[in-house]
Amino acid sequence: MGIQLNGLHVGTHIQLGGGKDKPVGGTEQPQNDLSVNEEEIKTAVDELNNFIEPLRTDLRFEYHEKLNEYYVTVINPLTEEILKEIPPRKMLDVYAGMAEFMGLLIDNKT
């Protein structure tokens, strides 16, 4: 039982430094465990952290009043910090301002 990451199988037993475990009875038995170095373990841990990183966020749908449209915010649930807005709210504000300005121009010309 274990996880396969970039060709590295991370199971229930990881042996560092390539050495062999000594059995208690004094006789050598064949080992099926994978020997890996510390760099491979660090790489595997980093990949696991990157894999679960999206699980530590919340998605919220927000309503933009002027455009009558929804946009998505990605929020860190621990700090309530907004990590990303899709599309960015500032861009929506600019678009709403331009649409309002264009409406005023058209109304004034007619």
N, C-alpha and C. Protein backbone atom coordinates (compact mmCIF):
# COMPACT_ATOMS: atom_id res chain seq x y z
N MET A 1 0.85 -1.18 0.00
CA MET A 1 0.00 0.00 0.00
C MET A 1 0.89 1.23 0.00
N GLY A 2 0.60 2.22 -0.84
CA GLY A 2 1.41 3.43 -0.89
C GLY A 2 0.94 4.34 -2.01
N ILE A 3 1.73 5.36 -2.27
CA ILE A 3 1.42 6.37 -3.28
C ILE A 3 2.54 6.40 -4.30
N GLN A 4 2.20 6.53 -5.57
CA GLN A 4 3.19 6.63 -6.63
C GLN A 4 3.32 8.08 -7.04
N LEU A 5 4.51 8.69 -6.88
CA LEU A 5 4.77 10.07 -7.25
C LEU A 5 6.02 10.13 -8.12
N ASN A 6 5.87 10.58 -9.36
CA ASN A 6 7.02 10.70 -10.27
C ASN A 6 7.90 9.46 -10.26
N GLY A 7 7.31 8.28 -10.32
CA GLY A 7 8.08 7.05 -10.34
C GLY A 7 8.58 6.61 -8.98
N LEU A 8 8.33 7.38 -7.93
CA LEU A 8 8.77 7.05 -6.58
C LEU A 8 7.58 6.51 -5.82
N HIS A 9 7.69 5.29 -5.35
CA HIS A 9 6.61 4.68 -4.58
C HIS A 9 6.83 4.98 -3.11
N VAL A 10 5.90 5.71 -2.51
CA VAL A 10 6.00 6.03 -1.09
C VAL A 10 5.03 5.12 -0.37
N GLY A 11 5.56 4.16 0.37
CA GLY A 11 4.73 3.19 1.05
C GLY A 11 4.77 3.35 2.55
N THR A 12 4.56 2.23 3.24
CA THR A 12 4.53 2.28 4.70
C THR A 12 5.92 2.26 5.31
N HIS A 13 6.95 1.90 4.53
CA HIS A 13 8.31 1.83 5.07
C HIS A 13 9.26 2.48 4.09
N ILE A 14 9.99 3.48 4.55
CA ILE A 14 11.00 4.13 3.72
C ILE A 14 12.32 4.03 4.47
N GLN A 15 13.33 3.56 3.78
CA GLN A 15 14.64 3.38 4.38
C GLN A 15 15.58 4.43 3.80
N LEU A 16 16.23 5.20 4.65
CA LEU A 16 17.13 6.25 4.20
C LEU A 16 18.54 5.73 4.03
N GLY A 17 19.29 6.31 3.10
CA GLY A 17 20.71 6.05 2.96
C GLY A 17 21.07 4.75 2.27
N GLY A 18 20.14 3.97 1.81
CA GLY A 18 20.45 2.78 1.06
C GLY A 18 20.94 1.61 1.91
N GLY A 19 20.98 1.72 3.24
CA GLY A 19 21.43 0.62 4.09
C GLY A 19 20.36 -0.45 4.19
N LYS A 20 20.74 -1.59 4.78
CA LYS A 20 19.78 -2.69 4.93
C LYS A 20 19.39 -2.83 6.39
N ASP A 21 18.13 -3.18 6.62
CA ASP A 21 17.68 -3.47 7.98
C ASP A 21 18.25 -4.82 8.41
N LYS A 22 18.64 -4.92 9.67
CA LYS A 22 19.13 -6.18 10.22
C LYS A 22 17.97 -6.90 10.90
N PRO A 23 17.64 -8.12 10.48
CA PRO A 23 16.57 -8.84 11.15
C PRO A 23 16.98 -9.25 12.56
N VAL A 24 16.00 -9.45 13.43
CA VAL A 24 16.25 -9.75 14.83
C VAL A 24 16.91 -11.11 15.00
N GLY A 25 16.57 -12.10 14.20
CA GLY A 25 17.10 -13.45 14.37
C GLY A 25 18.54 -13.62 13.93
N GLY A 26 19.17 -12.62 13.35
CA GLY A 26 20.54 -12.72 12.94
C GLY A 26 20.71 -13.26 11.53
N THR A 27 19.64 -13.69 10.88
CA THR A 27 19.75 -14.20 9.51
C THR A 27 19.20 -13.15 8.56
N GLU A 28 19.83 -13.02 7.42
CA GLU A 28 19.39 -12.06 6.40
C GLU A 28 18.17 -12.61 5.68
N GLN A 29 17.17 -11.78 5.49
CA GLN A 29 15.99 -12.14 4.72
C GLN A 29 15.89 -11.15 3.56
N PRO A 30 15.36 -11.58 2.43
CA PRO A 30 15.21 -10.65 1.31
C PRO A 30 14.30 -9.48 1.68
N GLN A 31 14.71 -8.29 1.27
CA GLN A 31 13.95 -7.09 1.57
C GLN A 31 13.15 -6.66 0.34
N ASN A 32 11.89 -6.35 0.54
CA ASN A 32 11.04 -5.84 -0.54
C ASN A 32 10.84 -4.34 -0.41
N ASP A 33 11.42 -3.73 0.65
CA ASP A 33 11.25 -2.30 0.90
C ASP A 33 12.08 -1.50 -0.08
N LEU A 34 11.63 -0.31 -0.38
CA LEU A 34 12.32 0.58 -1.30
C LEU A 34 13.27 1.47 -0.52
N SER A 35 14.50 1.56 -0.96
CA SER A 35 15.47 2.44 -0.33
C SER A 35 15.52 3.73 -1.14
N VAL A 36 15.35 4.88 -0.47
CA VAL A 36 15.38 6.18 -1.14
C VAL A 36 16.27 7.12 -0.36
N ASN A 37 16.77 8.15 -1.04
CA ASN A 37 17.58 9.13 -0.32
C ASN A 37 16.70 10.27 0.17
N GLU A 38 17.26 11.13 0.98
CA GLU A 38 16.50 12.22 1.59
C GLU A 38 15.95 13.19 0.56
N GLU A 39 16.69 13.41 -0.54
CA GLU A 39 16.24 14.33 -1.57
C GLU A 39 14.95 13.81 -2.23
N GLU A 40 14.87 12.50 -2.45
CA GLU A 40 13.66 11.92 -3.03
C GLU A 40 12.48 12.06 -2.08
N ILE A 41 12.74 11.94 -0.78
CA ILE A 41 11.66 12.10 0.20
C ILE A 41 11.18 13.54 0.22
N LYS A 42 12.12 14.50 0.20
CA LYS A 42 11.73 15.90 0.17
C LYS A 42 10.91 16.22 -1.07
N THR A 43 11.32 15.66 -2.21
CA THR A 43 10.58 15.87 -3.46
C THR A 43 9.17 15.30 -3.34
N ALA A 44 9.07 14.08 -2.79
CA ALA A 44 7.76 13.44 -2.64
C ALA A 44 6.86 14.24 -1.70
N VAL A 45 7.42 14.75 -0.61
CA VAL A 45 6.63 15.54 0.35
C VAL A 45 6.18 16.84 -0.30
N ASP A 46 7.06 17.49 -1.05
CA ASP A 46 6.68 18.72 -1.75
C ASP A 46 5.55 18.45 -2.74
N GLU A 47 5.63 17.34 -3.45
CA GLU A 47 4.57 17.00 -4.40
C GLU A 47 3.26 16.70 -3.70
N LEU A 48 3.33 16.04 -2.56
CA LEU A 48 2.10 15.79 -1.79
C LEU A 48 1.49 17.10 -1.30
N ASN A 49 2.33 18.00 -0.80
CA ASN A 49 1.83 19.30 -0.34
C ASN A 49 1.20 20.07 -1.50
N ASN A 50 1.83 20.05 -2.67
CA ASN A 50 1.25 20.72 -3.83
C ASN A 50 -0.05 20.07 -4.26
N PHE A 51 -0.14 18.74 -4.10
CA PHE A 51 -1.35 18.02 -4.48
C PHE A 51 -2.53 18.40 -3.59
N ILE A 52 -2.29 18.54 -2.28
CA ILE A 52 -3.41 18.84 -1.36
C ILE A 52 -3.63 20.33 -1.17
N GLU A 53 -2.75 21.18 -1.71
CA GLU A 53 -2.89 22.63 -1.54
C GLU A 53 -4.27 23.14 -1.96
N PRO A 54 -4.82 22.70 -3.10
CA PRO A 54 -6.15 23.21 -3.47
C PRO A 54 -7.25 22.85 -2.48
N LEU A 55 -7.03 21.84 -1.67
CA LEU A 55 -8.04 21.45 -0.70
C LEU A 55 -8.15 22.43 0.46
N ARG A 56 -7.16 23.30 0.60
CA ARG A 56 -7.16 24.26 1.71
C ARG A 56 -7.74 25.61 1.29
N THR A 57 -8.58 25.64 0.30
CA THR A 57 -9.17 26.88 -0.15
C THR A 57 -10.68 26.72 -0.28
N ASP A 58 -11.35 27.84 -0.27
CA ASP A 58 -12.80 27.86 -0.48
C ASP A 58 -13.09 28.64 -1.74
N LEU A 59 -14.10 28.23 -2.46
CA LEU A 59 -14.59 28.98 -3.61
C LEU A 59 -15.90 29.65 -3.21
N ARG A 60 -16.02 30.90 -3.58
CA ARG A 60 -17.27 31.63 -3.32
C ARG A 60 -17.70 32.35 -4.58
N PHE A 61 -18.97 32.37 -4.82
CA PHE A 61 -19.51 33.09 -5.96
C PHE A 61 -20.04 34.42 -5.45
N GLU A 62 -19.51 35.50 -6.02
CA GLU A 62 -19.89 36.86 -5.61
C GLU A 62 -20.68 37.50 -6.73
N TYR A 63 -21.58 38.40 -6.36
CA TYR A 63 -22.43 39.09 -7.32
C TYR A 63 -21.92 40.50 -7.53
N HIS A 64 -21.71 40.88 -8.79
CA HIS A 64 -21.28 42.24 -9.13
C HIS A 64 -22.54 43.04 -9.43
N GLU A 65 -22.84 44.02 -8.59
CA GLU A 65 -24.09 44.77 -8.66
C GLU A 65 -24.27 45.50 -9.99
N LYS A 66 -23.25 46.21 -10.46
CA LYS A 66 -23.39 47.04 -11.65
C LYS A 66 -23.55 46.22 -12.93
N LEU A 67 -22.90 45.06 -12.98
CA LEU A 67 -22.94 44.23 -14.19
C LEU A 67 -24.02 43.16 -14.13
N ASN A 68 -24.58 42.93 -12.96
CA ASN A 68 -25.55 41.85 -12.77
C ASN A 68 -24.95 40.51 -13.19
N GLU A 69 -23.70 40.30 -12.84
CA GLU A 69 -22.97 39.07 -13.18
C GLU A 69 -22.29 38.53 -11.93
N TYR A 70 -22.01 37.24 -11.95
CA TYR A 70 -21.28 36.60 -10.86
C TYR A 70 -19.83 36.41 -11.24
N TYR A 71 -18.96 36.44 -10.22
CA TYR A 71 -17.55 36.11 -10.38
C TYR A 71 -17.14 35.23 -9.21
N VAL A 72 -16.00 34.57 -9.34
CA VAL A 72 -15.56 33.59 -8.34
C VAL A 72 -14.41 34.17 -7.53
N THR A 73 -14.44 33.95 -6.22
CA THR A 73 -13.30 34.30 -5.38
C THR A 73 -12.77 33.02 -4.74
N VAL A 74 -11.45 32.90 -4.71
CA VAL A 74 -10.77 31.78 -4.03
C VAL A 74 -10.23 32.35 -2.73
N ILE A 75 -10.64 31.75 -1.61
CA ILE A 75 -10.36 32.31 -0.29
C ILE A 75 -9.65 31.29 0.59
N ASN A 76 -8.65 31.76 1.33
CA ASN A 76 -7.99 30.94 2.34
C ASN A 76 -8.95 30.85 3.53
N PRO A 77 -9.44 29.66 3.87
CA PRO A 77 -10.45 29.55 4.92
C PRO A 77 -9.91 29.87 6.32
N LEU A 78 -8.60 29.79 6.52
CA LEU A 78 -8.03 30.07 7.84
C LEU A 78 -7.94 31.56 8.12
N THR A 79 -7.58 32.35 7.09
CA THR A 79 -7.38 33.79 7.29
C THR A 79 -8.45 34.64 6.63
N GLU A 80 -9.34 34.02 5.85
CA GLU A 80 -10.37 34.72 5.08
C GLU A 80 -9.75 35.68 4.06
N GLU A 81 -8.50 35.46 3.71
CA GLU A 81 -7.81 36.28 2.71
C GLU A 81 -8.24 35.85 1.31
N ILE A 82 -8.53 36.83 0.46
CA ILE A 82 -8.88 36.54 -0.93
C ILE A 82 -7.60 36.24 -1.68
N LEU A 83 -7.48 35.01 -2.20
CA LEU A 83 -6.30 34.60 -2.92
C LEU A 83 -6.39 34.95 -4.40
N LYS A 84 -7.57 34.84 -4.97
CA LYS A 84 -7.74 35.09 -6.40
C LYS A 84 -9.20 35.40 -6.67
N GLU A 85 -9.42 36.26 -7.65
CA GLU A 85 -10.76 36.55 -8.14
C GLU A 85 -10.77 36.22 -9.63
N ILE A 86 -11.81 35.52 -10.07
CA ILE A 86 -11.90 35.12 -11.46
C ILE A 86 -13.25 35.56 -12.01
N PRO A 87 -13.31 36.49 -12.95
CA PRO A 87 -12.26 37.42 -13.35
C PRO A 87 -12.02 38.43 -12.23
N PRO A 88 -10.90 39.15 -12.27
CA PRO A 88 -10.61 40.10 -11.19
C PRO A 88 -11.70 41.17 -11.06
N ARG A 89 -12.08 41.47 -9.83
CA ARG A 89 -13.14 42.45 -9.57
C ARG A 89 -12.78 43.82 -10.15
N LYS A 90 -11.51 44.21 -10.08
CA LYS A 90 -11.10 45.51 -10.62
C LYS A 90 -11.39 45.59 -12.11
N MET A 91 -11.15 44.48 -12.82
CA MET A 91 -11.44 44.46 -14.25
C MET A 91 -12.94 44.59 -14.49
N LEU A 92 -13.74 43.96 -13.67
CA LEU A 92 -15.19 44.08 -13.80
C LEU A 92 -15.65 45.50 -13.50
N ASP A 93 -15.02 46.15 -12.49
CA ASP A 93 -15.35 47.53 -12.18
C ASP A 93 -15.03 48.45 -13.35
N VAL A 94 -13.87 48.24 -13.99
CA VAL A 94 -13.47 49.05 -15.14
C VAL A 94 -14.46 48.83 -16.28
N TYR A 95 -14.81 47.58 -16.52
CA TYR A 95 -15.77 47.27 -17.59
C TYR A 95 -17.12 47.92 -17.32
N ALA A 96 -17.57 47.86 -16.07
CA ALA A 96 -18.85 48.48 -15.71
C ALA A 96 -18.77 49.99 -15.90
N GLY A 97 -17.64 50.59 -15.52
CA GLY A 97 -17.48 52.04 -15.71
C GLY A 97 -17.48 52.41 -17.19
N MET A 98 -16.81 51.62 -18.01
CA MET A 98 -16.78 51.88 -19.46
C MET A 98 -18.17 51.73 -20.06
N ALA A 99 -18.89 50.70 -19.65
CA ALA A 99 -20.24 50.48 -20.17
C ALA A 99 -21.16 51.63 -19.76
N GLU A 100 -21.00 52.12 -18.54
CA GLU A 100 -21.81 53.25 -18.09
C GLU A 100 -21.46 54.51 -18.88
N PHE A 101 -20.16 54.74 -19.10
CA PHE A 101 -19.72 55.90 -19.86
C PHE A 101 -20.21 55.83 -21.31
N MET A 102 -20.15 54.65 -21.92
CA MET A 102 -20.63 54.48 -23.29
C MET A 102 -22.13 54.74 -23.35
N GLY A 103 -22.84 54.33 -22.34
CA GLY A 103 -24.28 54.58 -22.29
C GLY A 103 -24.56 56.08 -22.21
N LEU A 104 -23.75 56.82 -21.43
CA LEU A 104 -23.93 58.27 -21.34
C LEU A 104 -23.61 58.94 -22.66
N LEU A 105 -22.58 58.48 -23.35
CA LEU A 105 -22.21 59.06 -24.65
C LEU A 105 -23.31 58.85 -25.68
N ILE A 106 -23.83 57.66 -25.71
CA ILE A 106 -24.89 57.35 -26.68
C ILE A 106 -26.15 58.16 -26.36
N ASP A 107 -26.50 58.26 -25.09
CA ASP A 107 -27.70 59.02 -24.69
C ASP A 107 -27.52 60.50 -25.02
N ASN A 108 -26.33 61.06 -24.83
CA ASN A 108 -26.09 62.48 -25.09
C ASN A 108 -26.07 62.79 -26.59
N LYS A 109 -25.64 61.86 -27.42
CA LYS A 109 -25.57 62.10 -28.87
C LYS A 109 -26.95 62.05 -29.52
N THR A 110 -27.89 61.36 -28.97
CA THR A 110 -29.21 61.25 -29.62
C THR A 110 -30.14 62.33 -29.26
